[in-house]
Amino acid sequence: MAAKDYKICCALFKAYIAKESKRDENCMTDDRREIPEGEILMLIDWWLDKNAGENVNRLVFDSFFREGKKVVMRFADADEIFQK
């Protein structure tokens, strides 16, 4: 199987790298691997390092579980965090 056959699929509480079902595009096959939280955070950190020149100081995500809400991650200096 080729890498192009796989995609990131979000389930209720987990995310997977999975192959889509040919019968139903909303389903994934048993040929899948769970993406642990550490790998997701590592990818976010990689993305931030890659785009550091663009002066990114916060990330905003739409919340799928709480419609109309946003998840905001703000970046702070390490000294600011540890003084609290």
PDB file of N, CA and C in Angstrom:
ATOM      1  N   MET A   1       0.831  -1.182   0.000  1.00  0.00           N
ATOM      2  CA  MET A   1       0.000   0.000   0.000  1.00  0.00           C
ATOM      3  C   MET A   1       0.877   1.247   0.000  1.00  0.00           C
ATOM      4  N   ALA A   2       0.443   2.225  -0.732  1.00  0.00           N
ATOM      5  CA  ALA A   2       1.198   3.462  -0.849  1.00  0.00           C
ATOM      6  C   ALA A   2       0.825   4.428   0.267  1.00  0.00           C
ATOM      7  N   ALA A   3       1.746   5.305   0.580  1.00  0.00           N
ATOM      8  CA  ALA A   3       1.517   6.297   1.635  1.00  0.00           C
ATOM      9  C   ALA A   3       0.340   7.211   1.280  1.00  0.00           C
ATOM     10  N   LYS A   4       0.102   7.435  -0.012  1.00  0.00           N
ATOM     11  CA  LYS A   4      -1.002   8.314  -0.414  1.00  0.00           C
ATOM     12  C   LYS A   4      -2.370   7.737  -0.081  1.00  0.00           C
ATOM     13  N   ASP A   5      -2.441   6.435   0.206  1.00  0.00           N
ATOM     14  CA  ASP A   5      -3.710   5.800   0.559  1.00  0.00           C
ATOM     15  C   ASP A   5      -4.124   6.088   1.994  1.00  0.00           C
ATOM     16  N   TYR A   6      -3.220   6.638   2.807  1.00  0.00           N
ATOM     17  CA  TYR A   6      -3.492   6.867   4.215  1.00  0.00           C
ATOM     18  C   TYR A   6      -3.727   8.347   4.468  1.00  0.00           C
ATOM     19  N   LYS A   7      -4.495   8.646   5.492  1.00  0.00           N
ATOM     20  CA  LYS A   7      -4.720  10.023   5.880  1.00  0.00           C
ATOM     21  C   LYS A   7      -4.957  10.075   7.382  1.00  0.00           C
ATOM     22  N   ILE A   8      -4.940  11.262   7.944  1.00  0.00           N
ATOM     23  CA  ILE A   8      -5.201  11.427   9.367  1.00  0.00           C
ATOM     24  C   ILE A   8      -6.707  11.460   9.565  1.00  0.00           C
ATOM     25  N   CYS A   9      -7.197  10.566  10.415  1.00  0.00           N
ATOM     26  CA  CYS A   9      -8.624  10.456  10.697  1.00  0.00           C
ATOM     27  C   CYS A   9      -8.853  10.729  12.179  1.00  0.00           C
ATOM     28  N   CYS A  10      -9.752  11.614  12.480  1.00  0.00           N
ATOM     29  CA  CYS A  10     -10.075  11.928  13.872  1.00  0.00           C
ATOM     30  C   CYS A  10     -11.307  11.139  14.289  1.00  0.00           C
ATOM     31  N   ALA A  11     -11.182  10.407  15.371  1.00  0.00           N
ATOM     32  CA  ALA A  11     -12.306   9.700  15.960  1.00  0.00           C
ATOM     33  C   ALA A  11     -12.769  10.513  17.168  1.00  0.00           C
ATOM     34  N   LEU A  12     -13.654   9.977  17.966  1.00  0.00           N
ATOM     35  CA  LEU A  12     -14.209  10.732  19.080  1.00  0.00           C
ATOM     36  C   LEU A  12     -13.138  11.157  20.079  1.00  0.00           C
ATOM     37  N   PHE A  13     -12.307  10.224  20.519  1.00  0.00           N
ATOM     38  CA  PHE A  13     -11.303  10.559  21.526  1.00  0.00           C
ATOM     39  C   PHE A  13      -9.874  10.319  21.064  1.00  0.00           C
ATOM     40  N   LYS A  14      -9.674   9.836  19.836  1.00  0.00           N
ATOM     41  CA  LYS A  14      -8.339   9.504  19.355  1.00  0.00           C
ATOM     42  C   LYS A  14      -8.186   9.950  17.904  1.00  0.00           C
ATOM     43  N   ALA A  15      -6.939  10.052  17.473  1.00  0.00           N
ATOM     44  CA  ALA A  15      -6.632  10.349  16.072  1.00  0.00           C
ATOM     45  C   ALA A  15      -5.832   9.169  15.523  1.00  0.00           C
ATOM     46  N   TYR A  16      -6.011   8.871  14.253  1.00  0.00           N
ATOM     47  CA  TYR A  16      -5.361   7.723  13.632  1.00  0.00           C
ATOM     48  C   TYR A  16      -4.754   8.119  12.295  1.00  0.00           C
ATOM     49  N   ILE A  17      -3.704   7.409  11.906  1.00  0.00           N
ATOM     50  CA  ILE A  17      -3.257   7.386  10.525  1.00  0.00           C
ATOM     51  C   ILE A  17      -3.900   6.122   9.971  1.00  0.00           C
ATOM     52  N   ALA A  18      -4.807   6.293   9.028  1.00  0.00           N
ATOM     53  CA  ALA A  18      -5.625   5.155   8.603  1.00  0.00           C
ATOM     54  C   ALA A  18      -5.898   5.204   7.106  1.00  0.00           C
ATOM     55  N   LYS A  19      -6.320   4.067   6.612  1.00  0.00           N
ATOM     56  CA  LYS A  19      -6.744   3.957   5.229  1.00  0.00           C
ATOM     57  C   LYS A  19      -8.265   4.076   5.197  1.00  0.00           C
ATOM     58  N   GLU A  20      -8.781   4.900   4.285  1.00  0.00           N
ATOM     59  CA  GLU A  20     -10.228   5.061   4.159  1.00  0.00           C
ATOM     60  C   GLU A  20     -10.867   3.811   3.591  1.00  0.00           C
ATOM     61  N   SER A  21     -12.065   3.536   4.036  1.00  0.00           N
ATOM     62  CA  SER A  21     -12.831   2.424   3.489  1.00  0.00           C
ATOM     63  C   SER A  21     -13.267   2.779   2.069  1.00  0.00           C
ATOM     64  N   LYS A  22     -13.214   1.809   1.178  1.00  0.00           N
ATOM     65  CA  LYS A  22     -13.653   2.049  -0.203  1.00  0.00           C
ATOM     66  C   LYS A  22     -15.168   2.091  -0.295  1.00  0.00           C
ATOM     67  N   ARG A  23     -15.844   1.420   0.623  1.00  0.00           N
ATOM     68  CA  ARG A  23     -17.311   1.386   0.611  1.00  0.00           C
ATOM     69  C   ARG A  23     -17.933   2.651   1.183  1.00  0.00           C
ATOM     70  N   ASP A  24     -17.315   3.184   2.252  1.00  0.00           N
ATOM     71  CA  ASP A  24     -17.872   4.357   2.920  1.00  0.00           C
ATOM     72  C   ASP A  24     -16.726   5.300   3.271  1.00  0.00           C
ATOM     73  N   GLU A  25     -16.715   6.491   2.673  1.00  0.00           N
ATOM     74  CA  GLU A  25     -15.602   7.419   2.886  1.00  0.00           C
ATOM     75  C   GLU A  25     -15.556   7.967   4.308  1.00  0.00           C
ATOM     76  N   ASN A  26     -16.618   7.799   5.076  1.00  0.00           N
ATOM     77  CA  ASN A  26     -16.624   8.252   6.465  1.00  0.00           C
ATOM     78  C   ASN A  26     -16.110   7.192   7.435  1.00  0.00           C
ATOM     79  N   CYS A  27     -15.723   6.045   6.932  1.00  0.00           N
ATOM     80  CA  CYS A  27     -15.221   4.958   7.776  1.00  0.00           C
ATOM     81  C   CYS A  27     -13.762   4.678   7.427  1.00  0.00           C
ATOM     82  N   MET A  28     -13.031   4.157   8.405  1.00  0.00           N
ATOM     83  CA  MET A  28     -11.650   3.755   8.155  1.00  0.00           C
ATOM     84  C   MET A  28     -11.548   2.240   8.314  1.00  0.00           C
ATOM     85  N   THR A  29     -10.562   1.684   7.656  1.00  0.00           N
ATOM     86  CA  THR A  29     -10.371   0.233   7.729  1.00  0.00           C
ATOM     87  C   THR A  29      -9.627  -0.121   9.017  1.00  0.00           C
ATOM     88  N   ASP A  30      -9.438  -1.406   9.242  1.00  0.00           N
ATOM     89  CA  ASP A  30      -8.679  -1.852  10.412  1.00  0.00           C
ATOM     90  C   ASP A  30      -7.181  -1.614  10.236  1.00  0.00           C
ATOM     91  N   ASP A  31      -6.772  -1.225   9.041  1.00  0.00           N
ATOM     92  CA  ASP A  31      -5.374  -0.919   8.761  1.00  0.00           C
ATOM     93  C   ASP A  31      -5.105   0.513   9.218  1.00  0.00           C
ATOM     94  N   ARG A  32      -4.850   0.672  10.506  1.00  0.00           N
ATOM     95  CA  ARG A  32      -4.678   2.001  11.081  1.00  0.00           C
ATOM     96  C   ARG A  32      -3.720   1.960  12.261  1.00  0.00           C
ATOM     97  N   ARG A  33      -3.212   3.147  12.611  1.00  0.00           N
ATOM     98  CA  ARG A  33      -2.319   3.285  13.763  1.00  0.00           C
ATOM     99  C   ARG A  33      -2.721   4.533  14.528  1.00  0.00           C
ATOM    100  N   GLU A  34      -2.875   4.378  15.834  1.00  0.00           N
ATOM    101  CA  GLU A  34      -3.234   5.519  16.663  1.00  0.00           C
ATOM    102  C   GLU A  34      -2.063   6.500  16.737  1.00  0.00           C
ATOM    103  N   ILE A  35      -2.381   7.780  16.699  1.00  0.00           N
ATOM    104  CA  ILE A  35      -1.358   8.817  16.849  1.00  0.00           C
ATOM    105  C   ILE A  35      -1.394   9.261  18.314  1.00  0.00           C
ATOM    106  N   PRO A  36      -0.338   8.966  19.072  1.00  0.00           N
ATOM    107  CA  PRO A  36      -0.350   9.369  20.480  1.00  0.00           C
ATOM    108  C   PRO A  36      -0.216  10.881  20.639  1.00  0.00           C
ATOM    109  N   GLU A  37      -0.657  11.368  21.792  1.00  0.00           N
ATOM    110  CA  GLU A  37      -0.643  12.801  22.071  1.00  0.00           C
ATOM    111  C   GLU A  37       0.761  13.394  21.939  1.00  0.00           C
ATOM    112  N   GLY A  38       1.779  12.639  22.355  1.00  0.00           N
ATOM    113  CA  GLY A  38       3.151  13.126  22.268  1.00  0.00           C
ATOM    114  C   GLY A  38       3.570  13.422  20.840  1.00  0.00           C
ATOM    115  N   GLU A  39       3.150  12.585  19.886  1.00  0.00           N
ATOM    116  CA  GLU A  39       3.485  12.820  18.478  1.00  0.00           C
ATOM    117  C   GLU A  39       2.758  14.051  17.939  1.00  0.00           C
ATOM    118  N   ILE A  40       1.531  14.266  18.377  1.00  0.00           N
ATOM    119  CA  ILE A  40       0.775  15.443  17.934  1.00  0.00           C
ATOM    120  C   ILE A  40       1.450  16.713  18.445  1.00  0.00           C
ATOM    121  N   LEU A  41       1.823  16.705  19.723  1.00  0.00           N
ATOM    122  CA  LEU A  41       2.495  17.874  20.290  1.00  0.00           C
ATOM    123  C   LEU A  41       3.857  18.094  19.642  1.00  0.00           C
ATOM    124  N   MET A  42       4.550  17.009  19.298  1.00  0.00           N
ATOM    125  CA  MET A  42       5.834  17.128  18.621  1.00  0.00           C
ATOM    126  C   MET A  42       5.657  17.770  17.241  1.00  0.00           C
ATOM    127  N   LEU A  43       4.597  17.428  16.525  1.00  0.00           N
ATOM    128  CA  LEU A  43       4.324  18.039  15.228  1.00  0.00           C
ATOM    129  C   LEU A  43       3.998  19.522  15.366  1.00  0.00           C
ATOM    130  N   ILE A  44       3.235  19.891  16.403  1.00  0.00           N
ATOM    131  CA  ILE A  44       2.940  21.303  16.637  1.00  0.00           C
ATOM    132  C   ILE A  44       4.229  22.060  16.926  1.00  0.00           C
ATOM    133  N   ASP A  45       5.106  21.473  17.752  1.00  0.00           N
ATOM    134  CA  ASP A  45       6.390  22.101  18.067  1.00  0.00           C
ATOM    135  C   ASP A  45       7.252  22.243  16.812  1.00  0.00           C
ATOM    136  N   TRP A  46       7.271  21.209  15.968  1.00  0.00           N
ATOM    137  CA  TRP A  46       8.015  21.263  14.703  1.00  0.00           C
ATOM    138  C   TRP A  46       7.482  22.385  13.822  1.00  0.00           C
ATOM    139  N   TRP A  47       6.167  22.507  13.731  1.00  0.00           N
ATOM    140  CA  TRP A  47       5.554  23.537  12.905  1.00  0.00           C
ATOM    141  C   TRP A  47       5.928  24.925  13.413  1.00  0.00           C
ATOM    142  N   LEU A  48       5.923  25.088  14.735  1.00  0.00           N
ATOM    143  CA  LEU A  48       6.281  26.384  15.315  1.00  0.00           C
ATOM    144  C   LEU A  48       7.734  26.726  15.019  1.00  0.00           C
ATOM    145  N   ASP A  49       8.631  25.724  15.139  1.00  0.00           N
ATOM    146  CA  ASP A  49      10.037  25.963  14.819  1.00  0.00           C
ATOM    147  C   ASP A  49      10.205  26.354  13.352  1.00  0.00           C
ATOM    148  N   LYS A  50       9.464  25.693  12.486  1.00  0.00           N
ATOM    149  CA  LYS A  50       9.552  25.950  11.045  1.00  0.00           C
ATOM    150  C   LYS A  50       9.054  27.354  10.703  1.00  0.00           C
ATOM    151  N   ASN A  51       8.033  27.817  11.402  1.00  0.00           N
ATOM    152  CA  ASN A  51       7.426  29.111  11.105  1.00  0.00           C
ATOM    153  C   ASN A  51       7.797  30.193  12.106  1.00  0.00           C
ATOM    154  N   ALA A  52       8.890  29.998  12.826  1.00  0.00           N
ATOM    155  CA  ALA A  52       9.291  30.968  13.850  1.00  0.00           C
ATOM    156  C   ALA A  52       9.599  32.332  13.247  1.00  0.00           C
ATOM    157  N   GLY A  53      10.053  32.370  12.016  1.00  0.00           N
ATOM    158  CA  GLY A  53      10.375  33.634  11.373  1.00  0.00           C
ATOM    159  C   GLY A  53       9.157  34.487  11.079  1.00  0.00           C
ATOM    160  N   GLU A  54       7.991  33.897  11.132  1.00  0.00           N
ATOM    161  CA  GLU A  54       6.760  34.638  10.844  1.00  0.00           C
ATOM    162  C   GLU A  54       6.171  35.295  12.088  1.00  0.00           C
ATOM    163  N   ASN A  55       6.916  35.261  13.195  1.00  0.00           N
ATOM    164  CA  ASN A  55       6.504  35.898  14.448  1.00  0.00           C
ATOM    165  C   ASN A  55       5.161  35.366  14.936  1.00  0.00           C
ATOM    166  N   VAL A  56       5.027  34.063  14.974  1.00  0.00           N
ATOM    167  CA  VAL A  56       3.810  33.423  15.465  1.00  0.00           C
ATOM    168  C   VAL A  56       3.841  33.463  16.986  1.00  0.00           C
ATOM    169  N   ASN A  57       2.825  34.035  17.618  1.00  0.00           N
ATOM    170  CA  ASN A  57       2.813  34.087  19.072  1.00  0.00           C
ATOM    171  C   ASN A  57       1.592  33.422  19.695  1.00  0.00           C
ATOM    172  N   ARG A  58       0.685  32.914  18.872  1.00  0.00           N
ATOM    173  CA  ARG A  58      -0.448  32.153  19.396  1.00  0.00           C
ATOM    174  C   ARG A  58      -1.073  31.303  18.297  1.00  0.00           C
ATOM    175  N   LEU A  59      -1.717  30.245  18.717  1.00  0.00           N
ATOM    176  CA  LEU A  59      -2.442  29.368  17.802  1.00  0.00           C
ATOM    177  C   LEU A  59      -3.910  29.380  18.207  1.00  0.00           C
ATOM    178  N   VAL A  60      -4.794  29.356  17.231  1.00  0.00           N
ATOM    179  CA  VAL A  60      -6.223  29.335  17.512  1.00  0.00           C
ATOM    180  C   VAL A  60      -6.838  28.181  16.729  1.00  0.00           C
ATOM    181  N   PHE A  61      -7.607  27.350  17.433  1.00  0.00           N
ATOM    182  CA  PHE A  61      -8.287  26.217  16.815  1.00  0.00           C
ATOM    183  C   PHE A  61      -9.781  26.344  17.062  1.00  0.00           C
ATOM    184  N   ASP A  62     -10.591  25.932  16.097  1.00  0.00           N
ATOM    185  CA  ASP A  62     -12.028  25.808  16.340  1.00  0.00           C
ATOM    186  C   ASP A  62     -12.255  24.552  17.165  1.00  0.00           C
ATOM    187  N   SER A  63     -13.198  24.620  18.088  1.00  0.00           N
ATOM    188  CA  SER A  63     -13.517  23.463  18.911  1.00  0.00           C
ATOM    189  C   SER A  63     -14.643  22.677  18.255  1.00  0.00           C
ATOM    190  N   PHE A  64     -14.404  21.382  18.022  1.00  0.00           N
ATOM    191  CA  PHE A  64     -15.438  20.545  17.432  1.00  0.00           C
ATOM    192  C   PHE A  64     -16.469  20.128  18.483  1.00  0.00           C
ATOM    193  N   PHE A  65     -16.064  20.083  19.741  1.00  0.00           N
ATOM    194  CA  PHE A  65     -16.938  19.598  20.804  1.00  0.00           C
ATOM    195  C   PHE A  65     -17.795  20.711  21.395  1.00  0.00           C
ATOM    196  N   ARG A  66     -17.307  21.933  21.319  1.00  0.00           N
ATOM    197  CA  ARG A  66     -18.048  23.070  21.853  1.00  0.00           C
ATOM    198  C   ARG A  66     -18.204  24.093  20.731  1.00  0.00           C
ATOM    199  N   GLU A  67     -19.277  23.956  19.982  1.00  0.00           N
ATOM    200  CA  GLU A  67     -19.471  24.823  18.822  1.00  0.00           C
ATOM    201  C   GLU A  67     -19.493  26.293  19.234  1.00  0.00           C
ATOM    202  N   GLY A  68     -18.891  27.116  18.428  1.00  0.00           N
ATOM    203  CA  GLY A  68     -18.836  28.539  18.700  1.00  0.00           C
ATOM    204  C   GLY A  68     -17.698  28.929  19.627  1.00  0.00           C
ATOM    205  N   LYS A  69     -16.920  27.965  20.094  1.00  0.00           N
ATOM    206  CA  LYS A  69     -15.797  28.238  20.996  1.00  0.00           C
ATOM    207  C   LYS A  69     -14.489  28.068  20.244  1.00  0.00           C
ATOM    208  N   LYS A  70     -13.461  28.742  20.705  1.00  0.00           N
ATOM    209  CA  LYS A  70     -12.119  28.644  20.133  1.00  0.00           C
ATOM    210  C   LYS A  70     -11.166  28.174  21.226  1.00  0.00           C
ATOM    211  N   VAL A  71     -10.169  27.404  20.832  1.00  0.00           N
ATOM    212  CA  VAL A  71      -9.088  27.003  21.721  1.00  0.00           C
ATOM    213  C   VAL A  71      -7.904  27.873  21.353  1.00  0.00           C
ATOM    214  N   VAL A  72      -7.386  28.624  22.320  1.00  0.00           N
ATOM    215  CA  VAL A  72      -6.292  29.549  22.067  1.00  0.00           C
ATOM    216  C   VAL A  72      -5.087  29.116  22.889  1.00  0.00           C
ATOM    217  N   MET A  73      -3.957  28.959  22.214  1.00  0.00           N
ATOM    218  CA  MET A  73      -2.694  28.654  22.887  1.00  0.00           C
ATOM    219  C   MET A  73      -1.825  29.894  22.757  1.00  0.00           C
ATOM    220  N   ARG A  74      -1.459  30.485  23.893  1.00  0.00           N
ATOM    221  CA  ARG A  74      -0.624  31.682  23.895  1.00  0.00           C
ATOM    222  C   ARG A  74       0.770  31.294  24.361  1.00  0.00           C
ATOM    223  N   PHE A  75       1.785  31.864  23.757  1.00  0.00           N
ATOM    224  CA  PHE A  75       3.159  31.544  24.103  1.00  0.00           C
ATOM    225  C   PHE A  75       3.696  32.574  25.080  1.00  0.00           C
ATOM    226  N   ALA A  76       4.408  32.077  26.086  1.00  0.00           N
ATOM    227  CA  ALA A  76       4.975  32.950  27.109  1.00  0.00           C
ATOM    228  C   ALA A  76       6.424  32.557  27.342  1.00  0.00           C
ATOM    229  N   ASP A  77       7.198  33.493  27.875  1.00  0.00           N
ATOM    230  CA  ASP A  77       8.580  33.196  28.239  1.00  0.00           C
ATOM    231  C   ASP A  77       8.590  32.192  29.387  1.00  0.00           C
ATOM    232  N   ALA A  78       9.595  31.341  29.424  1.00  0.00           N
ATOM    233  CA  ALA A  78       9.694  30.332  30.473  1.00  0.00           C
ATOM    234  C   ALA A  78       9.759  30.981  31.846  1.00  0.00           C
ATOM    235  N   ASP A  79      10.437  32.122  31.967  1.00  0.00           N
ATOM    236  CA  ASP A  79      10.536  32.820  33.253  1.00  0.00           C
ATOM    237  C   ASP A  79       9.169  33.263  33.749  1.00  0.00           C
ATOM    238  N   GLU A  80       8.318  33.696  32.828  1.00  0.00           N
ATOM    239  CA  GLU A  80       6.974  34.142  33.187  1.00  0.00           C
ATOM    240  C   GLU A  80       6.144  32.992  33.742  1.00  0.00           C
ATOM    241  N   ILE A  81       6.294  31.799  33.181  1.00  0.00           N
ATOM    242  CA  ILE A  81       5.518  30.637  33.613  1.00  0.00           C
ATOM    243  C   ILE A  81       5.956  30.151  34.985  1.00  0.00           C
ATOM    244  N   PHE A  82       7.266  30.065  35.204  1.00  0.00           N
ATOM    245  CA  PHE A  82       7.781  29.478  36.431  1.00  0.00           C
ATOM    246  C   PHE A  82       7.746  30.436  37.619  1.00  0.00           C
ATOM    247  N   GLN A  83       7.479  31.714  37.408  1.00  0.00           N
ATOM    248  CA  GLN A  83       7.390  32.655  38.512  1.00  0.00           C
ATOM    249  C   GLN A  83       6.050  32.563  39.222  1.00  0.00           C
ATOM    250  N   LYS A  84       5.066  31.990  38.561  1.00  0.00           N
ATOM    251  CA  LYS A  84       3.719  31.896  39.155  1.00  0.00           C
ATOM    252  C   LYS A  84       3.647  30.793  40.167  1.00  0.00           C
TER     253      LYS A  84
END
